[in-house]
Amino acid sequence: MDNQTSKAKRIAALLGVILLVSLYIVTFIVSVVDKSSGGKLFSICLVATLVIPIMSWITIWMVGKLSGKGSIADFDRGVKKNDVNKDNE
């Protein structure tokens, strides 16, 4: 794997983690300080818990596809070409 591609994947994954952790911290602080908007912010946090990892996965997958190299996000990562040909016989 190329160093530039690997670095881009790490940055995408790290940004996703940082975004989720900061979202949880802000949600907690706002819910303690201002109880009226805590429920709405919690709902946003739940949606982001699903959306951010999916977007990170799509970013890692697209970087792998655009660079022409495989990535951990490929659908057929664990399947060998010989295994696929045996199934078709």
N, C-alpha and C. Protein backbone atom coordinates (compact mmCIF):
# COMPACT_ATOMS: atom_id res chain seq x y z
N MET A 1 0.85 -1.17 0.00
CA MET A 1 0.00 0.00 0.00
C MET A 1 0.89 1.23 0.00
N ASP A 2 0.52 2.17 -0.77
CA ASP A 2 1.24 3.42 -0.93
C ASP A 2 1.14 4.26 0.34
N ASN A 3 2.21 4.95 0.69
CA ASN A 3 2.28 5.71 1.93
C ASN A 3 1.26 6.85 1.93
N GLN A 4 1.06 7.51 0.79
CA GLN A 4 0.11 8.62 0.71
C GLN A 4 -1.32 8.13 0.94
N THR A 5 -1.67 7.00 0.35
CA THR A 5 -3.01 6.43 0.52
C THR A 5 -3.23 6.01 1.96
N SER A 6 -2.23 5.38 2.55
CA SER A 6 -2.33 4.95 3.94
C SER A 6 -2.52 6.14 4.86
N LYS A 7 -1.81 7.22 4.57
CA LYS A 7 -1.92 8.42 5.40
C LYS A 7 -3.32 9.03 5.28
N ALA A 8 -3.89 9.03 4.08
CA ALA A 8 -5.23 9.58 3.87
C ALA A 8 -6.28 8.75 4.62
N LYS A 9 -6.11 7.43 4.61
CA LYS A 9 -7.05 6.56 5.33
C LYS A 9 -6.96 6.78 6.83
N ARG A 10 -5.76 6.92 7.32
CA ARG A 10 -5.59 7.16 8.77
C ARG A 10 -6.20 8.49 9.17
N ILE A 11 -6.01 9.51 8.35
CA ILE A 11 -6.56 10.82 8.65
C ILE A 11 -8.09 10.76 8.66
N ALA A 12 -8.69 10.07 7.68
CA ALA A 12 -10.15 9.94 7.63
C ALA A 12 -10.68 9.23 8.86
N ALA A 13 -10.02 8.15 9.27
CA ALA A 13 -10.46 7.41 10.45
C ALA A 13 -10.29 8.24 11.72
N LEU A 14 -9.17 8.92 11.83
CA LEU A 14 -8.91 9.75 13.02
C LEU A 14 -9.89 10.91 13.12
N LEU A 15 -10.21 11.53 11.99
CA LEU A 15 -11.19 12.62 12.00
C LEU A 15 -12.56 12.13 12.45
N GLY A 16 -12.93 10.94 12.02
CA GLY A 16 -14.21 10.37 12.46
C GLY A 16 -14.25 10.14 13.95
N VAL A 17 -13.17 9.60 14.50
CA VAL A 17 -13.10 9.35 15.95
C VAL A 17 -13.13 10.66 16.72
N ILE A 18 -12.35 11.64 16.28
CA ILE A 18 -12.30 12.94 16.96
C ILE A 18 -13.67 13.61 16.92
N LEU A 19 -14.32 13.53 15.77
CA LEU A 19 -15.64 14.14 15.63
C LEU A 19 -16.66 13.49 16.57
N LEU A 20 -16.66 12.17 16.65
CA LEU A 20 -17.60 11.48 17.54
C LEU A 20 -17.34 11.79 19.01
N VAL A 21 -16.08 11.74 19.42
CA VAL A 21 -15.74 12.01 20.82
C VAL A 21 -16.10 13.44 21.20
N SER A 22 -15.77 14.40 20.33
CA SER A 22 -16.10 15.79 20.64
C SER A 22 -17.61 16.00 20.66
N LEU A 23 -18.34 15.29 19.82
CA LEU A 23 -19.80 15.39 19.82
C LEU A 23 -20.37 14.88 21.14
N TYR A 24 -19.85 13.77 21.64
CA TYR A 24 -20.32 13.23 22.92
C TYR A 24 -20.01 14.18 24.07
N ILE A 25 -18.83 14.76 24.06
CA ILE A 25 -18.44 15.69 25.14
C ILE A 25 -19.33 16.93 25.12
N VAL A 26 -19.54 17.50 23.92
CA VAL A 26 -20.39 18.69 23.82
C VAL A 26 -21.82 18.36 24.22
N THR A 27 -22.32 17.21 23.81
CA THR A 27 -23.68 16.81 24.20
C THR A 27 -23.81 16.70 25.71
N PHE A 28 -22.84 16.10 26.35
CA PHE A 28 -22.88 15.96 27.80
C PHE A 28 -22.85 17.32 28.49
N ILE A 29 -21.95 18.19 28.05
CA ILE A 29 -21.82 19.51 28.68
C ILE A 29 -23.10 20.33 28.50
N VAL A 30 -23.65 20.33 27.28
CA VAL A 30 -24.86 21.11 27.02
C VAL A 30 -26.05 20.55 27.81
N SER A 31 -26.14 19.22 27.93
CA SER A 31 -27.27 18.65 28.66
C SER A 31 -27.18 18.95 30.15
N VAL A 32 -25.98 19.13 30.69
CA VAL A 32 -25.83 19.49 32.10
C VAL A 32 -26.15 20.96 32.31
N VAL A 33 -25.69 21.82 31.41
CA VAL A 33 -25.86 23.26 31.55
C VAL A 33 -27.28 23.70 31.17
N ASP A 34 -27.77 23.24 30.03
CA ASP A 34 -29.07 23.68 29.52
C ASP A 34 -29.95 22.46 29.30
N LYS A 35 -30.80 22.16 30.24
CA LYS A 35 -31.61 20.94 30.19
C LYS A 35 -32.67 20.97 29.09
N SER A 36 -33.06 22.13 28.61
CA SER A 36 -34.13 22.20 27.62
C SER A 36 -33.68 21.72 26.23
N SER A 37 -32.41 21.91 25.88
CA SER A 37 -31.95 21.50 24.55
C SER A 37 -31.18 20.18 24.58
N GLY A 38 -31.10 19.55 25.72
CA GLY A 38 -30.36 18.30 25.85
C GLY A 38 -30.94 17.17 25.04
N GLY A 39 -32.27 17.06 25.00
CA GLY A 39 -32.92 15.98 24.26
C GLY A 39 -32.70 16.08 22.76
N LYS A 40 -32.80 17.30 22.24
CA LYS A 40 -32.60 17.50 20.80
C LYS A 40 -31.15 17.20 20.43
N LEU A 41 -30.22 17.65 21.23
CA LEU A 41 -28.80 17.41 20.96
C LEU A 41 -28.47 15.93 21.09
N PHE A 42 -29.15 15.23 22.02
CA PHE A 42 -28.94 13.79 22.15
C PHE A 42 -29.42 13.06 20.90
N SER A 43 -30.54 13.49 20.33
CA SER A 43 -31.03 12.89 19.09
C SER A 43 -30.05 13.09 17.95
N ILE A 44 -29.49 14.27 17.86
CA ILE A 44 -28.48 14.57 16.84
C ILE A 44 -27.25 13.68 17.05
N CYS A 45 -26.88 13.48 18.29
CA CYS A 45 -25.74 12.64 18.63
C CYS A 45 -25.97 11.20 18.21
N LEU A 46 -27.18 10.69 18.41
CA LEU A 46 -27.50 9.33 18.00
C LEU A 46 -27.41 9.15 16.48
N VAL A 47 -27.93 10.12 15.74
CA VAL A 47 -27.87 10.05 14.28
C VAL A 47 -26.41 10.12 13.82
N ALA A 48 -25.64 11.00 14.43
CA ALA A 48 -24.23 11.15 14.05
C ALA A 48 -23.42 9.90 14.38
N THR A 49 -23.84 9.17 15.41
CA THR A 49 -23.15 7.92 15.77
C THR A 49 -23.26 6.91 14.63
N LEU A 50 -24.31 6.97 13.87
CA LEU A 50 -24.47 6.09 12.71
C LEU A 50 -23.85 6.69 11.45
N VAL A 51 -24.05 7.97 11.23
CA VAL A 51 -23.65 8.61 9.98
C VAL A 51 -22.12 8.77 9.87
N ILE A 52 -21.46 9.19 10.93
CA ILE A 52 -20.02 9.46 10.86
C ILE A 52 -19.21 8.21 10.54
N PRO A 53 -19.42 7.06 11.19
CA PRO A 53 -18.67 5.87 10.79
C PRO A 53 -18.97 5.42 9.36
N ILE A 54 -20.21 5.55 8.93
CA ILE A 54 -20.55 5.17 7.55
C ILE A 54 -19.83 6.09 6.57
N MET A 55 -19.83 7.38 6.84
CA MET A 55 -19.13 8.31 5.96
C MET A 55 -17.62 8.07 5.97
N SER A 56 -17.07 7.71 7.12
CA SER A 56 -15.64 7.39 7.19
C SER A 56 -15.34 6.15 6.37
N TRP A 57 -16.21 5.13 6.45
CA TRP A 57 -16.02 3.91 5.68
C TRP A 57 -16.08 4.21 4.18
N ILE A 58 -17.04 5.03 3.77
CA ILE A 58 -17.18 5.38 2.35
C ILE A 58 -15.94 6.13 1.88
N THR A 59 -15.42 7.03 2.71
CA THR A 59 -14.22 7.78 2.34
C THR A 59 -13.02 6.85 2.17
N ILE A 60 -12.83 5.94 3.11
CA ILE A 60 -11.72 4.98 3.02
C ILE A 60 -11.89 4.09 1.80
N TRP A 61 -13.11 3.65 1.54
CA TRP A 61 -13.38 2.79 0.39
C TRP A 61 -13.10 3.51 -0.92
N MET A 62 -13.54 4.78 -1.01
CA MET A 62 -13.33 5.56 -2.24
C MET A 62 -11.85 5.85 -2.47
N VAL A 63 -11.10 6.13 -1.41
CA VAL A 63 -9.66 6.35 -1.57
C VAL A 63 -9.00 5.10 -2.12
N GLY A 64 -9.41 3.95 -1.63
CA GLY A 64 -8.87 2.68 -2.13
C GLY A 64 -9.23 2.43 -3.58
N LYS A 65 -10.47 2.73 -3.96
CA LYS A 65 -10.91 2.53 -5.34
C LYS A 65 -10.25 3.52 -6.29
N LEU A 66 -10.16 4.78 -5.89
CA LEU A 66 -9.56 5.79 -6.76
C LEU A 66 -8.06 5.60 -6.93
N SER A 67 -7.41 5.05 -5.92
CA SER A 67 -5.97 4.81 -6.02
C SER A 67 -5.67 3.49 -6.74
N GLY A 68 -6.70 2.68 -6.97
CA GLY A 68 -6.51 1.41 -7.66
C GLY A 68 -5.97 0.30 -6.79
N LYS A 69 -5.93 0.54 -5.51
CA LYS A 69 -5.44 -0.46 -4.57
C LYS A 69 -6.56 -0.86 -3.64
N GLY A 70 -6.45 -2.02 -3.09
CA GLY A 70 -7.46 -2.49 -2.15
C GLY A 70 -7.37 -1.76 -0.82
N SER A 71 -8.43 -1.86 -0.07
CA SER A 71 -8.43 -1.28 1.27
C SER A 71 -9.18 -2.21 2.21
N ILE A 72 -9.15 -1.90 3.48
CA ILE A 72 -9.85 -2.71 4.45
C ILE A 72 -11.36 -2.62 4.29
N ALA A 73 -11.82 -1.64 3.52
CA ALA A 73 -13.25 -1.44 3.32
C ALA A 73 -13.80 -2.15 2.09
N ASP A 74 -12.97 -2.90 1.37
CA ASP A 74 -13.44 -3.61 0.18
C ASP A 74 -14.42 -4.71 0.56
N PHE A 75 -15.40 -4.94 -0.29
CA PHE A 75 -16.40 -5.97 -0.06
C PHE A 75 -15.80 -7.37 -0.18
N ASP A 76 -14.90 -7.56 -1.14
CA ASP A 76 -14.33 -8.87 -1.41
C ASP A 76 -12.92 -9.02 -0.87
N ARG A 77 -12.64 -8.38 0.22
CA ARG A 77 -11.29 -8.37 0.79
C ARG A 77 -10.81 -9.77 1.17
N GLY A 78 -11.65 -10.60 1.75
CA GLY A 78 -11.23 -11.92 2.21
C GLY A 78 -11.43 -13.03 1.19
N VAL A 79 -11.96 -12.69 0.02
CA VAL A 79 -12.25 -13.71 -0.99
C VAL A 79 -11.11 -13.75 -1.99
N LYS A 80 -10.59 -14.95 -2.25
CA LYS A 80 -9.54 -15.11 -3.24
C LYS A 80 -10.18 -15.31 -4.60
N LYS A 81 -9.47 -14.91 -5.65
CA LYS A 81 -10.01 -15.05 -7.00
C LYS A 81 -10.26 -16.51 -7.34
N ASN A 82 -9.42 -17.42 -6.88
CA ASN A 82 -9.61 -18.84 -7.16
C ASN A 82 -10.89 -19.36 -6.53
N ASP A 83 -11.24 -18.84 -5.35
CA ASP A 83 -12.47 -19.27 -4.68
C ASP A 83 -13.70 -18.86 -5.49
N VAL A 84 -13.66 -17.69 -6.09
CA VAL A 84 -14.79 -17.19 -6.87
C VAL A 84 -14.95 -18.05 -8.13
N ASN A 85 -13.83 -18.40 -8.77
CA ASN A 85 -13.90 -19.21 -9.98
C ASN A 85 -14.42 -20.62 -9.68
N LYS A 86 -14.09 -21.19 -8.53
CA LYS A 86 -14.57 -22.51 -8.17
C LYS A 86 -16.07 -22.53 -7.97
N ASP A 87 -16.63 -21.43 -7.46
CA ASP A 87 -18.08 -21.35 -7.25
C ASP A 87 -18.84 -21.33 -8.57
N ASN A 88 -18.23 -20.77 -9.61
CA ASN A 88 -18.90 -20.65 -10.90
C ASN A 88 -18.84 -21.95 -11.71
N GLU A 89 -18.03 -22.89 -11.33
CA GLU A 89 -17.89 -24.14 -12.08
C GLU A 89 -19.01 -25.11 -11.80
